[in-house]
Amino acid sequence: MKNVFFGLMLVFFMIVQSGCGVRSIPMSKNEVDARLAEVTNQYKRRADLIPNLVKTVKGYASHEKETLEAVVEARAKATSVNIDPTKVSAQQMLEFQQAQGSLSQALGRLMVVVEKYPDLKANQNFRDLQAQLEGTENRITVARQRYIEGIKDFNNLVTVFPTNIANNLFFKYEKMPQWNVENAEDIKKAPEVSF
């Protein structure tokens, strides 16, 4: 009788543990970390692509030196801000977003230059690099969207019943800061170009 009772308690405990967040909370945390790594990977891809773009454009647009230098400077700043996905804070995320926002703004100015000077578009290399840059921006958008969803899912696990009980008992994870475009002023501003 004692063995049957022990067996039933063991089965009950396993059922409760499987649905209470003991596995899902750490898995969700790992998923958020992976998604943040993908966001930074896409920003790195963009940062690697920009020197080639700038080099190609320089040959055709030496009169737009200021815009190109702004892109190079923004790229340098964006690549100097690193975040550790395992120890990300709201302040680190804000600094990272602002650096990436400055780069986005500089690239926007560069694209306006391209629109004003159609002969730049005629160069096949530039068009190829422009298409890659646009593709990269789309990848960044998708990666950020997935990261935002991952944080939402994780935050739900650590704050919503019944998985929040397991979090409070075993893990004590805090709610993660969400990607916040509102705080990144440079992302909100439209690029301004004057000649």
C-alpha atoms as a PDB file:
ATOM      1  CA  MET A   1       0.000   0.000   0.000  1.00  0.00           C
ATOM      2  CA  LYS A   2       2.859   2.320   0.850  1.00  0.00           C
ATOM      3  CA  ASN A   3       4.491   1.709  -2.562  1.00  0.00           C
ATOM      4  CA  VAL A   4       1.220   2.448  -4.393  1.00  0.00           C
ATOM      5  CA  PHE A   5       0.811   5.694  -2.458  1.00  0.00           C
ATOM      6  CA  PHE A   6       4.429   6.650  -3.178  1.00  0.00           C
ATOM      7  CA  GLY A   7       3.969   5.819  -6.876  1.00  0.00           C
ATOM      8  CA  LEU A   8       0.801   7.916  -7.118  1.00  0.00           C
ATOM      9  CA  MET A   9       2.525  10.829  -5.394  1.00  0.00           C
ATOM     10  CA  LEU A  10       5.437  10.553  -7.804  1.00  0.00           C
ATOM     11  CA  VAL A  11       3.114  10.554 -10.845  1.00  0.00           C
ATOM     12  CA  PHE A  12       1.144  13.494  -9.401  1.00  0.00           C
ATOM     13  CA  PHE A  13       4.371  15.428  -8.753  1.00  0.00           C
ATOM     14  CA  MET A  14       5.605  14.793 -12.312  1.00  0.00           C
ATOM     15  CA  ILE A  15       2.291  15.963 -13.788  1.00  0.00           C
ATOM     16  CA  VAL A  16       2.312  19.114 -11.674  1.00  0.00           C
ATOM     17  CA  GLN A  17       5.952  19.842 -12.522  1.00  0.00           C
ATOM     18  CA  SER A  18       5.386  19.417 -16.252  1.00  0.00           C
ATOM     19  CA  GLY A  19       2.726  22.123 -16.318  1.00  0.00           C
ATOM     20  CA  CYS A  20       4.010  24.580 -13.751  1.00  0.00           C
ATOM     21  CA  GLY A  21       6.848  26.228 -15.595  1.00  0.00           C
ATOM     22  CA  VAL A  22       9.840  24.407 -14.175  1.00  0.00           C
ATOM     23  CA  ARG A  23      10.889  23.522 -17.733  1.00  0.00           C
ATOM     24  CA  SER A  24       9.146  26.236 -19.701  1.00  0.00           C
ATOM     25  CA  ILE A  25      10.614  29.222 -17.839  1.00  0.00           C
ATOM     26  CA  PRO A  26      14.298  28.328 -18.429  1.00  0.00           C
ATOM     27  CA  MET A  27      13.496  27.283 -21.986  1.00  0.00           C
ATOM     28  CA  SER A  28      11.793  30.631 -22.582  1.00  0.00           C
ATOM     29  CA  LYS A  29      14.797  32.462 -21.090  1.00  0.00           C
ATOM     30  CA  ASN A  30      17.100  30.576 -23.456  1.00  0.00           C
ATOM     31  CA  GLU A  31      14.826  31.450 -26.373  1.00  0.00           C
ATOM     32  CA  VAL A  32      14.958  35.169 -25.498  1.00  0.00           C
ATOM     33  CA  ASP A  33      18.754  35.021 -25.292  1.00  0.00           C
ATOM     34  CA  ALA A  34      18.904  33.320 -28.696  1.00  0.00           C
ATOM     35  CA  ARG A  35      16.574  35.889 -30.224  1.00  0.00           C
ATOM     36  CA  LEU A  36      18.638  38.768 -28.854  1.00  0.00           C
ATOM     37  CA  ALA A  37      21.721  37.127 -30.316  1.00  0.00           C
ATOM     38  CA  GLU A  38      19.947  37.048 -33.696  1.00  0.00           C
ATOM     39  CA  VAL A  39      19.137  40.769 -33.412  1.00  0.00           C
ATOM     40  CA  THR A  40      22.782  41.572 -32.722  1.00  0.00           C
ATOM     41  CA  ASN A  41      23.818  39.203 -35.525  1.00  0.00           C
ATOM     42  CA  GLN A  42      21.676  41.119 -38.006  1.00  0.00           C
ATOM     43  CA  TYR A  43      23.097  44.441 -36.803  1.00  0.00           C
ATOM     44  CA  LYS A  44      26.589  42.970 -37.245  1.00  0.00           C
ATOM     45  CA  ARG A  45      25.701  41.911 -40.790  1.00  0.00           C
ATOM     46  CA  ARG A  46      24.604  45.453 -41.512  1.00  0.00           C
ATOM     47  CA  ALA A  47      27.773  46.876 -39.992  1.00  0.00           C
ATOM     48  CA  ASP A  48      29.886  44.550 -42.144  1.00  0.00           C
ATOM     49  CA  LEU A  49      27.976  45.461 -45.287  1.00  0.00           C
ATOM     50  CA  ILE A  50      28.184  49.231 -44.848  1.00  0.00           C
ATOM     51  CA  PRO A  51      31.933  49.646 -45.584  1.00  0.00           C
ATOM     52  CA  ASN A  52      31.407  48.029 -48.987  1.00  0.00           C
ATOM     53  CA  LEU A  53      28.425  50.253 -49.660  1.00  0.00           C
ATOM     54  CA  VAL A  54      30.303  53.357 -48.596  1.00  0.00           C
ATOM     55  CA  LYS A  55      33.348  52.436 -50.698  1.00  0.00           C
ATOM     56  CA  THR A  56      31.194  51.977 -53.790  1.00  0.00           C
ATOM     57  CA  VAL A  57      29.249  55.179 -53.249  1.00  0.00           C
ATOM     58  CA  LYS A  58      32.411  57.204 -52.570  1.00  0.00           C
ATOM     59  CA  GLY A  59      33.542  56.572 -56.092  1.00  0.00           C
ATOM     60  CA  TYR A  60      30.336  58.057 -57.467  1.00  0.00           C
ATOM     61  CA  ALA A  61      29.460  60.666 -54.893  1.00  0.00           C
ATOM     62  CA  SER A  62      32.589  62.416 -53.704  1.00  0.00           C
ATOM     63  CA  HIS A  63      30.506  65.592 -53.422  1.00  0.00           C
ATOM     64  CA  GLU A  64      28.454  63.869 -50.673  1.00  0.00           C
ATOM     65  CA  LYS A  65      31.440  63.289 -48.419  1.00  0.00           C
ATOM     66  CA  GLU A  66      29.640  64.580 -45.317  1.00  0.00           C
ATOM     67  CA  THR A  67      26.810  62.057 -45.622  1.00  0.00           C
ATOM     68  CA  LEU A  68      29.211  59.185 -46.186  1.00  0.00           C
ATOM     69  CA  GLU A  69      31.361  60.222 -43.228  1.00  0.00           C
ATOM     70  CA  ALA A  70      28.222  60.328 -41.049  1.00  0.00           C
ATOM     71  CA  VAL A  71      27.468  56.739 -42.057  1.00  0.00           C
ATOM     72  CA  VAL A  72      31.016  55.629 -41.231  1.00  0.00           C
ATOM     73  CA  GLU A  73      30.932  57.443 -37.880  1.00  0.00           C
ATOM     74  CA  ALA A  74      27.499  56.045 -36.974  1.00  0.00           C
ATOM     75  CA  ARG A  75      28.671  52.555 -37.907  1.00  0.00           C
ATOM     76  CA  ALA A  76      31.705  52.913 -35.643  1.00  0.00           C
ATOM     77  CA  LYS A  77      29.509  54.011 -32.743  1.00  0.00           C
ATOM     78  CA  ALA A  78      26.980  51.240 -33.373  1.00  0.00           C
ATOM     79  CA  THR A  79      29.648  48.553 -33.390  1.00  0.00           C
ATOM     80  CA  SER A  80      31.264  49.889 -30.219  1.00  0.00           C
ATOM     81  CA  VAL A  81      28.124  49.282 -28.137  1.00  0.00           C
ATOM     82  CA  ASN A  82      27.928  45.639 -27.119  1.00  0.00           C
ATOM     83  CA  ILE A  83      25.385  43.914 -24.916  1.00  0.00           C
ATOM     84  CA  ASP A  84      25.664  40.656 -23.046  1.00  0.00           C
ATOM     85  CA  PRO A  85      22.384  38.752 -23.587  1.00  0.00           C
ATOM     86  CA  THR A  86      22.731  37.006 -20.232  1.00  0.00           C
ATOM     87  CA  LYS A  87      23.056  40.270 -18.268  1.00  0.00           C
ATOM     88  CA  VAL A  88      21.129  42.811 -20.327  1.00  0.00           C
ATOM     89  CA  SER A  89      19.777  45.808 -18.422  1.00  0.00           C
ATOM     90  CA  ALA A  90      17.295  48.433 -19.508  1.00  0.00           C
ATOM     91  CA  GLN A  91      20.129  51.025 -19.675  1.00  0.00           C
ATOM     92  CA  GLN A  92      22.319  48.770 -21.858  1.00  0.00           C
ATOM     93  CA  MET A  93      19.362  48.101 -24.151  1.00  0.00           C
ATOM     94  CA  LEU A  94      18.669  51.847 -24.443  1.00  0.00           C
ATOM     95  CA  GLU A  95      22.313  52.606 -25.336  1.00  0.00           C
ATOM     96  CA  PHE A  96      22.319  49.808 -27.910  1.00  0.00           C
ATOM     97  CA  GLN A  97      19.055  51.044 -29.446  1.00  0.00           C
ATOM     98  CA  GLN A  98      20.321  54.633 -29.619  1.00  0.00           C
ATOM     99  CA  ALA A  99      23.554  53.603 -31.337  1.00  0.00           C
ATOM    100  CA  GLN A 100      21.630  51.524 -33.867  1.00  0.00           C
ATOM    101  CA  GLY A 101      19.151  54.375 -34.316  1.00  0.00           C
ATOM    102  CA  SER A 102      21.949  56.784 -35.232  1.00  0.00           C
ATOM    103  CA  LEU A 103      23.161  54.325 -37.826  1.00  0.00           C
ATOM    104  CA  SER A 104      19.645  53.935 -39.231  1.00  0.00           C
ATOM    105  CA  GLN A 105      19.319  57.707 -39.488  1.00  0.00           C
ATOM    106  CA  ALA A 106      22.669  58.047 -41.285  1.00  0.00           C
ATOM    107  CA  LEU A 107      21.703  55.287 -43.692  1.00  0.00           C
ATOM    108  CA  GLY A 108      18.412  57.057 -44.329  1.00  0.00           C
ATOM    109  CA  ARG A 109      20.344  60.178 -45.327  1.00  0.00           C
ATOM    110  CA  LEU A 110      22.468  58.087 -47.649  1.00  0.00           C
ATOM    111  CA  MET A 111      19.356  56.664 -49.306  1.00  0.00           C
ATOM    112  CA  VAL A 112      18.015  60.201 -49.824  1.00  0.00           C
ATOM    113  CA  VAL A 113      21.278  61.047 -51.592  1.00  0.00           C
ATOM    114  CA  VAL A 114      20.718  58.054 -53.833  1.00  0.00           C
ATOM    115  CA  GLU A 115      17.223  59.253 -54.707  1.00  0.00           C
ATOM    116  CA  LYS A 116      18.540  62.721 -55.587  1.00  0.00           C
ATOM    117  CA  TYR A 117      21.310  61.406 -57.808  1.00  0.00           C
ATOM    118  CA  PRO A 118      19.904  58.783 -60.200  1.00  0.00           C
ATOM    119  CA  ASP A 119      23.325  58.160 -61.751  1.00  0.00           C
ATOM    120  CA  LEU A 120      24.334  56.477 -58.485  1.00  0.00           C
ATOM    121  CA  LYS A 121      21.561  53.954 -59.004  1.00  0.00           C
ATOM    122  CA  ALA A 122      22.837  53.146 -62.491  1.00  0.00           C
ATOM    123  CA  ASN A 123      25.890  51.427 -61.082  1.00  0.00           C
ATOM    124  CA  GLN A 124      25.171  47.695 -60.790  1.00  0.00           C
ATOM    125  CA  ASN A 125      27.423  47.223 -57.766  1.00  0.00           C
ATOM    126  CA  PHE A 126      25.638  49.952 -55.889  1.00  0.00           C
ATOM    127  CA  ARG A 127      22.235  48.494 -56.751  1.00  0.00           C
ATOM    128  CA  ASP A 128      23.339  45.067 -55.529  1.00  0.00           C
ATOM    129  CA  LEU A 129      24.657  46.476 -52.277  1.00  0.00           C
ATOM    130  CA  GLN A 130      21.543  48.590 -51.861  1.00  0.00           C
ATOM    131  CA  ALA A 131      19.367  45.497 -52.271  1.00  0.00           C
ATOM    132  CA  GLN A 132      21.461  43.663 -49.691  1.00  0.00           C
ATOM    133  CA  LEU A 133      21.194  46.582 -47.296  1.00  0.00           C
ATOM    134  CA  GLU A 134      17.429  46.713 -47.714  1.00  0.00           C
ATOM    135  CA  GLY A 135      17.283  42.964 -47.140  1.00  0.00           C
ATOM    136  CA  THR A 136      19.388  43.365 -44.017  1.00  0.00           C
ATOM    137  CA  GLU A 137      17.081  46.067 -42.687  1.00  0.00           C
ATOM    138  CA  ASN A 138      14.157  43.693 -43.237  1.00  0.00           C
ATOM    139  CA  ARG A 139      16.029  40.922 -41.408  1.00  0.00           C
ATOM    140  CA  ILE A 140      16.704  43.290 -38.522  1.00  0.00           C
ATOM    141  CA  THR A 141      13.017  44.129 -38.343  1.00  0.00           C
ATOM    142  CA  VAL A 142      12.047  40.453 -38.276  1.00  0.00           C
ATOM    143  CA  ALA A 143      14.721  39.645 -35.661  1.00  0.00           C
ATOM    144  CA  ARG A 144      13.551  42.514 -33.438  1.00  0.00           C
ATOM    145  CA  GLN A 145       9.935  41.370 -33.818  1.00  0.00           C
ATOM    146  CA  ARG A 146      10.881  37.831 -32.760  1.00  0.00           C
ATOM    147  CA  TYR A 147      12.874  39.186 -29.828  1.00  0.00           C
ATOM    148  CA  ILE A 148       9.918  41.296 -28.697  1.00  0.00           C
ATOM    149  CA  GLU A 149       7.657  38.220 -28.895  1.00  0.00           C
ATOM    150  CA  GLY A 150      10.195  36.149 -26.954  1.00  0.00           C
ATOM    151  CA  ILE A 151      10.353  38.723 -24.166  1.00  0.00           C
ATOM    152  CA  LYS A 152       6.563  38.886 -24.039  1.00  0.00           C
ATOM    153  CA  ASP A 153       6.332  35.092 -23.734  1.00  0.00           C
ATOM    154  CA  PHE A 154       9.036  34.993 -21.049  1.00  0.00           C
ATOM    155  CA  ASN A 155       7.470  37.842 -19.083  1.00  0.00           C
ATOM    156  CA  ASN A 156       4.126  36.056 -19.223  1.00  0.00           C
ATOM    157  CA  LEU A 157       5.702  32.908 -17.799  1.00  0.00           C
ATOM    158  CA  VAL A 158       7.360  34.714 -14.882  1.00  0.00           C
ATOM    159  CA  THR A 159       4.384  36.919 -14.025  1.00  0.00           C
ATOM    160  CA  VAL A 160       1.208  34.960 -14.843  1.00  0.00           C
ATOM    161  CA  PHE A 161      -0.323  32.178 -12.712  1.00  0.00           C
ATOM    162  CA  PRO A 162       0.472  29.233 -12.411  1.00  0.00           C
ATOM    163  CA  THR A 163       3.994  29.432 -13.856  1.00  0.00           C
ATOM    164  CA  ASN A 164       4.813  32.472 -11.733  1.00  0.00           C
ATOM    165  CA  ILE A 165       4.595  30.195  -8.676  1.00  0.00           C
ATOM    166  CA  ALA A 166       7.380  27.998 -10.040  1.00  0.00           C
ATOM    167  CA  ASN A 167       9.381  31.127 -10.891  1.00  0.00           C
ATOM    168  CA  ASN A 168       9.000  32.488  -7.362  1.00  0.00           C
ATOM    169  CA  LEU A 169       9.907  29.132  -5.799  1.00  0.00           C
ATOM    170  CA  PHE A 170      12.765  28.000  -8.022  1.00  0.00           C
ATOM    171  CA  PHE A 171      14.153  30.728 -10.284  1.00  0.00           C
ATOM    172  CA  LYS A 172      13.220  34.241  -9.119  1.00  0.00           C
ATOM    173  CA  TYR A 173      13.637  35.708 -12.616  1.00  0.00           C
ATOM    174  CA  GLU A 174      12.638  39.331 -12.977  1.00  0.00           C
ATOM    175  CA  LYS A 175      10.510  40.621 -15.819  1.00  0.00           C
ATOM    176  CA  MET A 176      12.799  41.487 -18.773  1.00  0.00           C
ATOM    177  CA  PRO A 177      12.905  44.995 -20.247  1.00  0.00           C
ATOM    178  CA  GLN A 178      11.122  45.168 -23.589  1.00  0.00           C
ATOM    179  CA  TRP A 179      12.678  46.568 -26.765  1.00  0.00           C
ATOM    180  CA  ASN A 180      11.547  50.165 -26.677  1.00  0.00           C
ATOM    181  CA  VAL A 181      11.706  52.320 -29.797  1.00  0.00           C
ATOM    182  CA  GLU A 182      10.114  55.249 -27.965  1.00  0.00           C
ATOM    183  CA  ASN A 183      13.312  55.785 -25.955  1.00  0.00           C
ATOM    184  CA  ALA A 184      15.556  55.653 -28.993  1.00  0.00           C
ATOM    185  CA  GLU A 185      15.139  59.203 -30.291  1.00  0.00           C
ATOM    186  CA  ASP A 186      17.327  58.669 -33.356  1.00  0.00           C
ATOM    187  CA  ILE A 187      15.076  55.894 -34.625  1.00  0.00           C
ATOM    188  CA  LYS A 188      11.971  58.095 -34.499  1.00  0.00           C
ATOM    189  CA  LYS A 189      13.481  61.039 -36.401  1.00  0.00           C
ATOM    190  CA  ALA A 190      13.156  61.131 -40.148  1.00  0.00           C
ATOM    191  CA  PRO A 191      16.481  61.723 -41.857  1.00  0.00           C
ATOM    192  CA  GLU A 192      17.020  65.338 -42.806  1.00  0.00           C
ATOM    193  CA  VAL A 193      19.186  66.155 -45.810  1.00  0.00           C
ATOM    194  CA  SER A 194      19.911  69.634 -47.069  1.00  0.00           C
ATOM    195  CA  PHE A 195      22.143  70.618 -49.973  1.00  0.00           C
END
